[in-house]
C-alpha cells in the first residue's frame, strides 16, 4: 500500500482516457443527437398543449362573462 496515491492517480488518468474515447465515439454522439431531438419534440408538443389549454380557458372566461351579463340583464328587466 506504499503507492496507494500513485495507483489512485493512475486509475483517474485511465478513467479520463477511456471516458474521452467513449464520449468521442459515434454511437454516443448519435444517442445524444437522438435524445436532443426527442427533448425538442416533447417541448414543442408541450408548448402546443399549453397554448390549447390557454385558448380553452380564455373561451371559458368569455362564456362566463357573457352568462353573467345575460343574468344581470334578465334580472334588471324583471
N, C-alpha and C. Protein backbone atom coordinates (compact mmCIF):
# COMPACT_ATOMS: atom_id res chain seq x y z
N UNK A 1 0.80 -1.19 0.00
CA UNK A 1 0.00 0.00 0.00
C UNK A 1 0.85 1.27 0.00
N UNK A 2 2.13 1.13 -0.28
CA UNK A 2 3.01 2.29 -0.35
C UNK A 2 2.61 3.26 -1.45
N UNK A 3 2.18 2.72 -2.55
CA UNK A 3 1.90 3.53 -3.74
C UNK A 3 0.40 3.72 -3.94
N UNK A 4 -0.32 3.83 -2.87
CA UNK A 4 -1.77 3.96 -2.93
C UNK A 4 -2.16 5.21 -3.72
N UNK A 5 -1.56 6.33 -3.46
CA UNK A 5 -1.88 7.58 -4.15
C UNK A 5 -1.50 7.51 -5.62
N UNK A 6 -0.40 6.85 -5.92
CA UNK A 6 0.02 6.68 -7.31
C UNK A 6 -0.98 5.82 -8.07
N UNK A 7 -1.49 4.75 -7.45
CA UNK A 7 -2.49 3.90 -8.08
C UNK A 7 -3.79 4.66 -8.30
N UNK A 8 -4.20 5.46 -7.34
CA UNK A 8 -5.42 6.26 -7.49
C UNK A 8 -5.26 7.26 -8.63
N UNK A 9 -4.10 7.89 -8.72
CA UNK A 9 -3.84 8.83 -9.80
C UNK A 9 -3.87 8.13 -11.16
N UNK A 10 -3.22 6.97 -11.24
CA UNK A 10 -3.19 6.21 -12.49
C UNK A 10 -4.60 5.78 -12.89
N UNK A 11 -5.41 5.37 -11.92
CA UNK A 11 -6.79 4.98 -12.20
C UNK A 11 -7.59 6.19 -12.71
N UNK A 12 -7.35 7.36 -12.15
CA UNK A 12 -8.02 8.58 -12.61
C UNK A 12 -7.65 8.93 -14.03
N UNK A 13 -6.37 8.81 -14.36
CA UNK A 13 -5.91 9.09 -15.72
C UNK A 13 -6.52 8.09 -16.70
N UNK A 14 -6.52 6.81 -16.33
CA UNK A 14 -7.09 5.78 -17.19
C UNK A 14 -8.58 6.03 -17.41
N UNK A 15 -9.28 6.41 -16.35
CA UNK A 15 -10.71 6.70 -16.46
C UNK A 15 -10.95 7.88 -17.39
N UNK A 16 -10.12 8.90 -17.28
CA UNK A 16 -10.26 10.07 -18.15
C UNK A 16 -10.03 9.70 -19.61
N UNK A 17 -9.03 8.88 -19.88
CA UNK A 17 -8.73 8.48 -21.26
C UNK A 17 -9.87 7.65 -21.83
N UNK A 18 -10.34 6.67 -21.05
CA UNK A 18 -11.45 5.82 -21.51
C UNK A 18 -12.71 6.67 -21.69
N UNK A 19 -12.97 7.56 -20.76
CA UNK A 19 -14.15 8.43 -20.86
C UNK A 19 -14.11 9.30 -22.09
N UNK A 20 -12.94 9.83 -22.40
CA UNK A 20 -12.80 10.66 -23.60
C UNK A 20 -13.08 9.85 -24.85
N UNK A 21 -12.56 8.64 -24.91
CA UNK A 21 -12.80 7.77 -26.07
C UNK A 21 -14.28 7.47 -26.21
N UNK A 22 -14.94 7.21 -25.09
CA UNK A 22 -16.38 6.89 -25.13
C UNK A 22 -17.17 8.10 -25.60
N UNK A 23 -16.86 9.28 -25.07
CA UNK A 23 -17.59 10.48 -25.44
C UNK A 23 -17.38 10.89 -26.89
N UNK A 24 -16.24 10.53 -27.43
CA UNK A 24 -15.96 10.88 -28.82
C UNK A 24 -16.50 9.84 -29.80
N UNK A 25 -17.03 8.74 -29.31
CA UNK A 25 -17.49 7.68 -30.21
C UNK A 25 -18.76 8.11 -30.96
N UNK A 26 -18.92 7.57 -32.13
CA UNK A 26 -20.07 7.89 -32.98
C UNK A 26 -21.37 7.45 -32.33
N UNK A 27 -21.38 6.33 -31.67
CA UNK A 27 -22.60 5.82 -31.04
C UNK A 27 -23.10 6.79 -29.97
N UNK A 28 -22.20 7.35 -29.18
CA UNK A 28 -22.60 8.29 -28.14
C UNK A 28 -23.11 9.59 -28.77
N UNK A 29 -22.45 10.04 -29.81
CA UNK A 29 -22.90 11.25 -30.49
C UNK A 29 -24.29 11.04 -31.10
N UNK A 30 -24.51 9.88 -31.72
CA UNK A 30 -25.82 9.59 -32.29
C UNK A 30 -26.89 9.51 -31.20
N UNK A 31 -26.56 8.89 -30.09
CA UNK A 31 -27.52 8.79 -28.99
C UNK A 31 -27.84 10.17 -28.43
N UNK A 32 -26.84 11.01 -28.30
CA UNK A 32 -27.06 12.37 -27.79
C UNK A 32 -27.92 13.17 -28.76
N UNK A 33 -27.68 13.01 -30.04
CA UNK A 33 -28.47 13.70 -31.05
C UNK A 33 -29.92 13.24 -31.00
N UNK A 34 -30.13 11.93 -30.89
CA UNK A 34 -31.48 11.38 -30.79
C UNK A 34 -32.17 11.91 -29.53
N UNK A 35 -31.45 11.92 -28.44
CA UNK A 35 -32.01 12.41 -27.18
C UNK A 35 -32.41 13.87 -27.27
N UNK A 36 -31.56 14.68 -27.86
CA UNK A 36 -31.86 16.10 -28.01
C UNK A 36 -33.06 16.31 -28.92
N UNK A 37 -33.15 15.55 -30.00
CA UNK A 37 -34.29 15.65 -30.90
C UNK A 37 -35.58 15.27 -30.17
N UNK A 38 -35.52 14.25 -29.34
CA UNK A 38 -36.70 13.84 -28.57
C UNK A 38 -37.12 14.92 -27.60
N UNK A 39 -36.16 15.50 -26.93
CA UNK A 39 -36.46 16.58 -25.96
C UNK A 39 -37.10 17.76 -26.67
N UNK A 40 -36.56 18.13 -27.81
CA UNK A 40 -37.12 19.26 -28.56
C UNK A 40 -38.54 18.96 -29.04
N UNK A 41 -38.78 17.73 -29.45
CA UNK A 41 -40.12 17.33 -29.88
C UNK A 41 -41.11 17.38 -28.73
N UNK A 42 -40.70 16.88 -27.58
CA UNK A 42 -41.57 16.91 -26.40
C UNK A 42 -41.86 18.36 -26.00
N UNK A 43 -40.86 19.20 -26.08
CA UNK A 43 -41.04 20.62 -25.74
C UNK A 43 -42.05 21.27 -26.67
N UNK A 44 -41.93 20.99 -27.96
CA UNK A 44 -42.86 21.56 -28.94
C UNK A 44 -44.28 21.09 -28.65
N UNK A 45 -44.44 19.80 -28.37
CA UNK A 45 -45.76 19.26 -28.05
C UNK A 45 -46.32 19.89 -26.78
N UNK A 46 -45.48 20.10 -25.79
CA UNK A 46 -45.92 20.71 -24.53
C UNK A 46 -46.36 22.15 -24.77
N UNK A 47 -45.63 22.88 -25.58
CA UNK A 47 -46.00 24.26 -25.88
C UNK A 47 -47.33 24.33 -26.61
N UNK A 48 -47.56 23.40 -27.55
CA UNK A 48 -48.83 23.36 -28.27
C UNK A 48 -49.98 23.02 -27.32
N UNK A 49 -49.75 22.08 -26.43
CA UNK A 49 -50.76 21.70 -25.45
C UNK A 49 -51.08 22.87 -24.53
N UNK A 50 -50.06 23.58 -24.07
CA UNK A 50 -50.25 24.74 -23.22
C UNK A 50 -51.05 25.81 -23.94
N UNK A 51 -50.75 26.04 -25.21
CA UNK A 51 -51.46 27.05 -25.98
C UNK A 51 -52.93 26.67 -26.12
N UNK A 52 -53.23 25.40 -26.39
CA UNK A 52 -54.61 24.93 -26.49
C UNK A 52 -55.34 25.12 -25.17
N UNK A 53 -54.68 24.77 -24.07
CA UNK A 53 -55.30 24.94 -22.75
C UNK A 53 -55.58 26.41 -22.47
N UNK A 54 -54.66 27.28 -22.84
CA UNK A 54 -54.82 28.71 -22.61
C UNK A 54 -56.00 29.24 -23.42
N UNK A 55 -56.11 28.83 -24.68
CA UNK A 55 -57.22 29.27 -25.51
C UNK A 55 -58.55 28.77 -24.96
N UNK A 56 -58.59 27.53 -24.52
CA UNK A 56 -59.82 26.99 -23.93
C UNK A 56 -60.21 27.75 -22.67
N UNK A 57 -59.24 28.06 -21.84
CA UNK A 57 -59.52 28.80 -20.61
C UNK A 57 -60.05 30.20 -20.94
N UNK A 58 -59.48 30.83 -21.94
CA UNK A 58 -59.95 32.16 -22.33
C UNK A 58 -61.39 32.10 -22.83
N UNK A 59 -61.72 31.06 -23.60
CA UNK A 59 -63.09 30.88 -24.08
C UNK A 59 -64.05 30.67 -22.92
N UNK A 60 -63.63 29.88 -21.94
CA UNK A 60 -64.48 29.63 -20.77
C UNK A 60 -64.74 30.93 -20.02
N UNK A 61 -63.70 31.75 -19.85
CA UNK A 61 -63.86 33.03 -19.15
C UNK A 61 -64.80 33.94 -19.93
N UNK A 62 -64.64 34.01 -21.25
CA UNK A 62 -65.53 34.84 -22.07
C UNK A 62 -66.97 34.36 -21.96
N UNK A 63 -67.16 33.05 -22.03
CA UNK A 63 -68.52 32.49 -21.90
C UNK A 63 -69.11 32.81 -20.54
N UNK A 64 -68.31 32.72 -19.50
CA UNK A 64 -68.79 33.02 -18.15
C UNK A 64 -69.20 34.49 -18.05
N UNK A 65 -68.42 35.39 -18.64
CA UNK A 65 -68.76 36.81 -18.61
C UNK A 65 -70.05 37.07 -19.38
N UNK A 66 -70.22 36.39 -20.50
CA UNK A 66 -71.45 36.54 -21.28
C UNK A 66 -72.66 36.07 -20.47
N UNK A 67 -72.51 34.94 -19.78
CA UNK A 67 -73.60 34.43 -18.96
C UNK A 67 -73.91 35.40 -17.83
N UNK A 68 -72.87 35.98 -17.21
CA UNK A 68 -73.09 36.96 -16.15
C UNK A 68 -73.84 38.17 -16.69
N UNK A 69 -73.45 38.66 -17.84
CA UNK A 69 -74.13 39.82 -18.43
C UNK A 69 -75.58 39.49 -18.74
N UNK A 70 -75.83 38.30 -19.26
CA UNK A 70 -77.19 37.88 -19.58
C UNK A 70 -78.02 37.80 -18.30
N UNK A 71 -77.48 37.22 -17.26
CA UNK A 71 -78.20 37.10 -16.00
C UNK A 71 -78.49 38.48 -15.42
N UNK A 72 -77.55 39.38 -15.47
CA UNK A 72 -77.75 40.73 -14.94
C UNK A 72 -78.83 41.44 -15.76
N UNK A 73 -78.78 41.28 -17.06
CA UNK A 73 -79.76 41.93 -17.95
C UNK A 73 -81.16 41.38 -17.67
N UNK A 74 -81.28 40.05 -17.54
CA UNK A 74 -82.58 39.43 -17.28
C UNK A 74 -83.09 39.87 -15.93
N UNK A 75 -82.25 39.90 -14.90
CA UNK A 75 -82.65 40.30 -13.56
C UNK A 75 -83.09 41.75 -13.54
N UNK A 76 -82.43 42.60 -14.26
CA UNK A 76 -82.76 44.02 -14.22
C UNK A 76 -84.06 44.31 -15.00
N UNK A 77 -84.40 43.47 -15.97
CA UNK A 77 -85.65 43.64 -16.71
C UNK A 77 -86.85 43.25 -15.87
N UNK A 78 -86.66 42.33 -14.97
CA UNK A 78 -87.76 41.83 -14.16
C UNK A 78 -88.10 42.79 -13.15
